[in-house]
Amino acid sequence: MAIEHTSEIKLKVGLDENRVPEELTWSAQDGGIDNADAKAMMLSVWDSKNKESLKIDLWTKDMPVDEMKIFFHQTLVTMADTYMKATQDEKMTATMKDFCEYFAEKLDLRK
């Protein structure tokens, strides 16, 4: 199958003198996003040759801890949804969602 279109997602990280992220921006032209600000990001890619996940986790030094907790919770929920779409494994998806509820409860995110 020939590739007919490519799409590019750009991440830009502004670092301080100690190479700690101060600013994160991202662009996705196909999605209408141009240099949008972000306070945190998690990127995972699958290396099929080595059968391992590679990741980049970044957050700015002014990312509030309470927002980081919400970010993690929402990311976990999204991962459960994506797992379901990818595998159709309803039982494990339900287990993951149960954990997400537990996570939110323990962090008092359901205010």
N, C-alpha and C. Protein backbone atom coordinates (compact mmCIF):
# COMPACT_ATOMS: atom_id res chain seq x y z
N MET A 1 0.85 -1.18 0.00
CA MET A 1 0.00 0.00 0.00
C MET A 1 0.89 1.24 0.00
N ALA A 2 0.63 2.16 -0.89
CA ALA A 2 1.42 3.39 -0.99
C ALA A 2 0.90 4.44 -0.03
N ILE A 3 1.79 5.17 0.59
CA ILE A 3 1.41 6.27 1.47
C ILE A 3 0.97 7.44 0.60
N GLU A 4 -0.24 7.91 0.82
CA GLU A 4 -0.78 9.00 0.02
C GLU A 4 -0.72 10.34 0.72
N HIS A 5 -0.58 10.32 2.04
CA HIS A 5 -0.56 11.57 2.80
C HIS A 5 0.29 11.34 4.05
N THR A 6 0.97 12.35 4.48
CA THR A 6 1.66 12.29 5.77
C THR A 6 1.13 13.40 6.65
N SER A 7 1.21 13.19 7.92
CA SER A 7 0.76 14.16 8.90
C SER A 7 1.87 14.33 9.92
N GLU A 8 2.07 15.53 10.37
CA GLU A 8 3.18 15.79 11.27
C GLU A 8 2.67 16.44 12.55
N ILE A 9 3.17 15.94 13.67
CA ILE A 9 2.89 16.53 14.98
C ILE A 9 4.22 17.03 15.51
N LYS A 10 4.27 18.30 15.89
CA LYS A 10 5.51 18.90 16.36
C LYS A 10 5.39 19.24 17.85
N LEU A 11 6.45 18.94 18.59
CA LEU A 11 6.56 19.29 19.99
C LEU A 11 7.75 20.22 20.16
N LYS A 12 7.55 21.27 20.92
CA LYS A 12 8.65 22.21 21.17
C LYS A 12 8.78 22.36 22.68
N VAL A 13 10.01 22.20 23.18
CA VAL A 13 10.28 22.27 24.61
C VAL A 13 11.25 23.40 24.87
N GLY A 14 10.82 24.39 25.63
CA GLY A 14 11.69 25.49 26.05
C GLY A 14 12.31 25.15 27.39
N LEU A 15 13.65 25.15 27.45
CA LEU A 15 14.37 24.72 28.65
C LEU A 15 15.05 25.89 29.35
N ASP A 16 15.17 25.79 30.68
CA ASP A 16 15.92 26.80 31.42
C ASP A 16 17.41 26.46 31.37
N GLU A 17 18.22 27.19 32.12
CA GLU A 17 19.67 26.98 32.08
C GLU A 17 20.09 25.59 32.59
N ASN A 18 19.21 24.94 33.37
CA ASN A 18 19.50 23.59 33.86
C ASN A 18 18.83 22.51 33.01
N ARG A 19 18.31 22.91 31.87
CA ARG A 19 17.63 22.00 30.92
C ARG A 19 16.35 21.41 31.50
N VAL A 20 15.70 22.18 32.37
CA VAL A 20 14.40 21.81 32.92
C VAL A 20 13.33 22.50 32.09
N PRO A 21 12.29 21.77 31.67
CA PRO A 21 11.26 22.39 30.83
C PRO A 21 10.55 23.56 31.51
N GLU A 22 10.52 24.67 30.81
CA GLU A 22 9.78 25.85 31.25
C GLU A 22 8.54 26.07 30.39
N GLU A 23 8.61 25.61 29.14
CA GLU A 23 7.52 25.84 28.19
C GLU A 23 7.38 24.64 27.27
N LEU A 24 6.14 24.22 27.07
CA LEU A 24 5.83 23.16 26.11
C LEU A 24 4.79 23.70 25.14
N THR A 25 5.04 23.52 23.86
CA THR A 25 4.03 23.86 22.85
C THR A 25 3.98 22.72 21.85
N TRP A 26 2.84 22.61 21.19
CA TRP A 26 2.68 21.55 20.19
C TRP A 26 1.84 22.06 19.04
N SER A 27 2.09 21.45 17.89
CA SER A 27 1.37 21.80 16.67
C SER A 27 0.97 20.52 15.94
N ALA A 28 -0.23 20.54 15.39
CA ALA A 28 -0.72 19.45 14.55
C ALA A 28 -1.58 20.09 13.48
N GLN A 29 -0.97 20.38 12.35
CA GLN A 29 -1.64 21.12 11.29
C GLN A 29 -2.95 20.46 10.87
N ASP A 30 -2.97 19.14 10.73
CA ASP A 30 -4.20 18.45 10.33
C ASP A 30 -5.31 18.59 11.35
N GLY A 31 -4.94 18.83 12.61
CA GLY A 31 -5.93 19.01 13.67
C GLY A 31 -6.23 20.47 13.96
N GLY A 32 -5.62 21.38 13.21
CA GLY A 32 -5.86 22.80 13.43
C GLY A 32 -5.17 23.37 14.67
N ILE A 33 -4.14 22.69 15.14
CA ILE A 33 -3.41 23.14 16.33
C ILE A 33 -2.11 23.78 15.89
N ASP A 34 -1.85 25.00 16.37
CA ASP A 34 -0.63 25.70 16.01
C ASP A 34 0.00 26.32 17.24
N ASN A 35 1.10 25.75 17.69
CA ASN A 35 1.83 26.23 18.86
C ASN A 35 0.95 26.41 20.09
N ALA A 36 0.13 25.41 20.38
CA ALA A 36 -0.72 25.45 21.57
C ALA A 36 0.14 25.17 22.80
N ASP A 37 -0.13 25.91 23.86
CA ASP A 37 0.59 25.72 25.12
C ASP A 37 0.13 24.44 25.81
N ALA A 38 1.06 23.84 26.53
CA ALA A 38 0.77 22.67 27.35
C ALA A 38 1.65 22.76 28.59
N LYS A 39 1.22 22.13 29.67
CA LYS A 39 2.02 22.10 30.89
C LYS A 39 2.66 20.73 31.11
N ALA A 40 2.12 19.70 30.43
CA ALA A 40 2.68 18.35 30.58
C ALA A 40 2.37 17.54 29.33
N MET A 41 3.17 16.49 29.12
CA MET A 41 2.93 15.60 28.00
C MET A 41 3.52 14.23 28.30
N MET A 42 2.88 13.22 27.74
CA MET A 42 3.40 11.85 27.80
C MET A 42 3.29 11.30 26.38
N LEU A 43 4.39 10.78 25.88
CA LEU A 43 4.42 10.21 24.54
C LEU A 43 5.02 8.82 24.63
N SER A 44 4.31 7.83 24.13
CA SER A 44 4.82 6.46 24.08
C SER A 44 4.81 5.99 22.65
N VAL A 45 5.87 5.31 22.27
CA VAL A 45 5.94 4.70 20.94
C VAL A 45 6.38 3.25 21.12
N TRP A 46 5.92 2.38 20.22
CA TRP A 46 6.24 0.97 20.29
C TRP A 46 7.37 0.63 19.34
N ASP A 47 8.45 0.08 19.87
CA ASP A 47 9.57 -0.41 19.08
C ASP A 47 9.32 -1.90 18.85
N SER A 48 8.77 -2.23 17.68
CA SER A 48 8.39 -3.62 17.42
C SER A 48 9.61 -4.53 17.25
N LYS A 49 10.72 -3.98 16.84
CA LYS A 49 11.92 -4.80 16.68
C LYS A 49 12.40 -5.32 18.03
N ASN A 50 12.44 -4.44 19.02
CA ASN A 50 12.92 -4.82 20.35
C ASN A 50 11.78 -5.19 21.31
N LYS A 51 10.55 -5.10 20.83
CA LYS A 51 9.37 -5.42 21.64
C LYS A 51 9.36 -4.65 22.97
N GLU A 52 9.50 -3.31 22.84
CA GLU A 52 9.50 -2.48 24.03
C GLU A 52 8.89 -1.11 23.74
N SER A 53 8.37 -0.56 24.78
CA SER A 53 7.78 0.76 24.72
C SER A 53 8.85 1.80 25.04
N LEU A 54 8.88 2.85 24.25
CA LEU A 54 9.79 3.97 24.49
C LEU A 54 8.93 5.17 24.85
N LYS A 55 9.39 5.99 25.76
CA LYS A 55 8.52 7.07 26.21
C LYS A 55 9.28 8.36 26.49
N ILE A 56 8.53 9.43 26.42
CA ILE A 56 8.99 10.75 26.82
C ILE A 56 7.91 11.32 27.73
N ASP A 57 8.27 11.64 28.94
CA ASP A 57 7.36 12.29 29.89
C ASP A 57 7.98 13.62 30.28
N LEU A 58 7.27 14.69 30.02
CA LEU A 58 7.77 16.03 30.36
C LEU A 58 6.67 16.85 31.00
N TRP A 59 7.07 17.72 31.92
CA TRP A 59 6.14 18.69 32.47
C TRP A 59 6.94 19.93 32.84
N THR A 60 6.29 21.06 32.75
CA THR A 60 6.95 22.32 33.06
C THR A 60 7.07 22.46 34.58
N LYS A 61 8.06 23.24 34.99
CA LYS A 61 8.29 23.37 36.42
C LYS A 61 7.16 24.12 37.13
N ASP A 62 6.29 24.79 36.37
CA ASP A 62 5.16 25.46 37.00
C ASP A 62 3.85 24.67 36.88
N MET A 63 3.96 23.37 36.51
CA MET A 63 2.77 22.51 36.45
C MET A 63 2.33 22.24 37.88
N PRO A 64 1.11 22.67 38.25
CA PRO A 64 0.64 22.44 39.62
C PRO A 64 0.42 20.95 39.89
N VAL A 65 0.74 20.50 41.09
CA VAL A 65 0.61 19.10 41.46
C VAL A 65 -0.85 18.65 41.35
N ASP A 66 -1.79 19.49 41.75
CA ASP A 66 -3.21 19.08 41.66
C ASP A 66 -3.62 18.86 40.21
N GLU A 67 -3.10 19.64 39.29
CA GLU A 67 -3.39 19.44 37.87
C GLU A 67 -2.68 18.20 37.34
N MET A 68 -1.48 17.91 37.86
CA MET A 68 -0.77 16.70 37.44
C MET A 68 -1.58 15.46 37.83
N LYS A 69 -2.19 15.47 38.99
CA LYS A 69 -3.02 14.34 39.42
C LYS A 69 -4.21 14.16 38.49
N ILE A 70 -4.83 15.24 38.09
CA ILE A 70 -5.96 15.18 37.14
C ILE A 70 -5.47 14.68 35.78
N PHE A 71 -4.34 15.20 35.34
CA PHE A 71 -3.75 14.78 34.07
C PHE A 71 -3.48 13.27 34.06
N PHE A 72 -2.90 12.76 35.14
CA PHE A 72 -2.65 11.32 35.22
C PHE A 72 -3.96 10.54 35.18
N HIS A 73 -4.95 10.98 35.93
CA HIS A 73 -6.23 10.27 35.95
C HIS A 73 -6.84 10.23 34.56
N GLN A 74 -6.90 11.36 33.90
CA GLN A 74 -7.49 11.41 32.56
C GLN A 74 -6.69 10.57 31.57
N THR A 75 -5.37 10.53 31.73
CA THR A 75 -4.54 9.71 30.86
C THR A 75 -4.82 8.23 31.09
N LEU A 76 -4.98 7.83 32.34
CA LEU A 76 -5.29 6.43 32.65
C LEU A 76 -6.64 6.03 32.05
N VAL A 77 -7.65 6.91 32.16
CA VAL A 77 -8.97 6.63 31.59
C VAL A 77 -8.86 6.48 30.07
N THR A 78 -8.11 7.37 29.45
CA THR A 78 -7.92 7.31 28.00
C THR A 78 -7.19 6.04 27.59
N MET A 79 -6.21 5.63 28.39
CA MET A 79 -5.49 4.39 28.08
C MET A 79 -6.43 3.19 28.16
N ALA A 80 -7.34 3.18 29.12
CA ALA A 80 -8.32 2.09 29.22
C ALA A 80 -9.21 2.07 27.98
N ASP A 81 -9.67 3.25 27.56
CA ASP A 81 -10.50 3.34 26.35
C ASP A 81 -9.74 2.85 25.11
N THR A 82 -8.50 3.27 24.99
CA THR A 82 -7.67 2.87 23.85
C THR A 82 -7.40 1.37 23.88
N TYR A 83 -7.17 0.83 25.07
CA TYR A 83 -6.95 -0.61 25.21
C TYR A 83 -8.17 -1.38 24.69
N MET A 84 -9.36 -0.89 25.04
CA MET A 84 -10.59 -1.55 24.59
C MET A 84 -10.69 -1.51 23.06
N LYS A 85 -10.44 -0.34 22.48
CA LYS A 85 -10.51 -0.21 21.02
C LYS A 85 -9.51 -1.13 20.33
N ALA A 86 -8.32 -1.27 20.92
CA ALA A 86 -7.26 -2.04 20.28
C ALA A 86 -7.42 -3.55 20.46
N THR A 87 -8.01 -3.97 21.59
CA THR A 87 -8.02 -5.41 21.90
C THR A 87 -9.41 -6.03 22.01
N GLN A 88 -10.43 -5.21 22.21
CA GLN A 88 -11.80 -5.70 22.47
C GLN A 88 -11.86 -6.58 23.73
N ASP A 89 -10.93 -6.39 24.64
CA ASP A 89 -10.86 -7.15 25.88
C ASP A 89 -11.69 -6.43 26.96
N GLU A 90 -12.97 -6.77 27.02
CA GLU A 90 -13.88 -6.09 27.93
C GLU A 90 -13.54 -6.32 29.40
N LYS A 91 -13.12 -7.52 29.73
CA LYS A 91 -12.83 -7.84 31.13
C LYS A 91 -11.66 -7.00 31.66
N MET A 92 -10.56 -6.95 30.93
CA MET A 92 -9.42 -6.16 31.39
C MET A 92 -9.73 -4.67 31.34
N THR A 93 -10.50 -4.24 30.36
CA THR A 93 -10.89 -2.83 30.29
C THR A 93 -11.68 -2.46 31.54
N ALA A 94 -12.60 -3.31 31.94
CA ALA A 94 -13.38 -3.06 33.15
C ALA A 94 -12.48 -2.99 34.38
N THR A 95 -11.48 -3.86 34.44
CA THR A 95 -10.53 -3.85 35.56
C THR A 95 -9.75 -2.54 35.57
N MET A 96 -9.32 -2.11 34.39
CA MET A 96 -8.59 -0.84 34.29
C MET A 96 -9.47 0.33 34.71
N LYS A 97 -10.72 0.33 34.29
CA LYS A 97 -11.65 1.41 34.66
C LYS A 97 -11.90 1.40 36.17
N ASP A 98 -12.00 0.20 36.76
CA ASP A 98 -12.14 0.11 38.21
C ASP A 98 -10.96 0.78 38.91
N PHE A 99 -9.76 0.51 38.39
CA PHE A 99 -8.58 1.15 38.96
C PHE A 99 -8.65 2.67 38.81
N CYS A 100 -9.12 3.14 37.67
CA CYS A 100 -9.24 4.59 37.45
C CYS A 100 -10.18 5.21 38.48
N GLU A 101 -11.27 4.52 38.77
CA GLU A 101 -12.20 5.01 39.81
C GLU A 101 -11.53 5.03 41.17
N TYR A 102 -10.80 3.98 41.49
CA TYR A 102 -10.07 3.89 42.75
C TYR A 102 -9.04 5.03 42.84
N PHE A 103 -8.30 5.26 41.77
CA PHE A 103 -7.30 6.31 41.69
C PHE A 103 -7.94 7.67 41.97
N ALA A 104 -9.07 7.94 41.31
CA ALA A 104 -9.77 9.22 41.49
C ALA A 104 -10.29 9.36 42.92
N GLU A 105 -10.80 8.28 43.46
CA GLU A 105 -11.31 8.30 44.83
C GLU A 105 -10.19 8.59 45.84
N LYS A 106 -9.08 7.89 45.71
CA LYS A 106 -7.95 8.06 46.64
C LYS A 106 -7.34 9.46 46.56
N LEU A 107 -7.38 10.06 45.38
CA LEU A 107 -6.84 11.41 45.21
C LEU A 107 -7.91 12.49 45.38
N ASP A 108 -9.12 12.05 45.72
CA ASP A 108 -10.25 12.97 45.93
C ASP A 108 -10.47 13.88 44.71
N LEU A 109 -10.49 13.25 43.54
CA LEU A 109 -10.68 14.00 42.30
C LEU A 109 -12.15 14.14 41.93
N ARG A 110 -13.04 13.45 42.59
CA ARG A 110 -14.48 13.48 42.29
C ARG A 110 -15.20 14.46 43.20
N LYS A 111 -14.77 15.70 43.16
CA LYS A 111 -15.37 16.73 44.02
C LYS A 111 -16.64 17.28 43.44
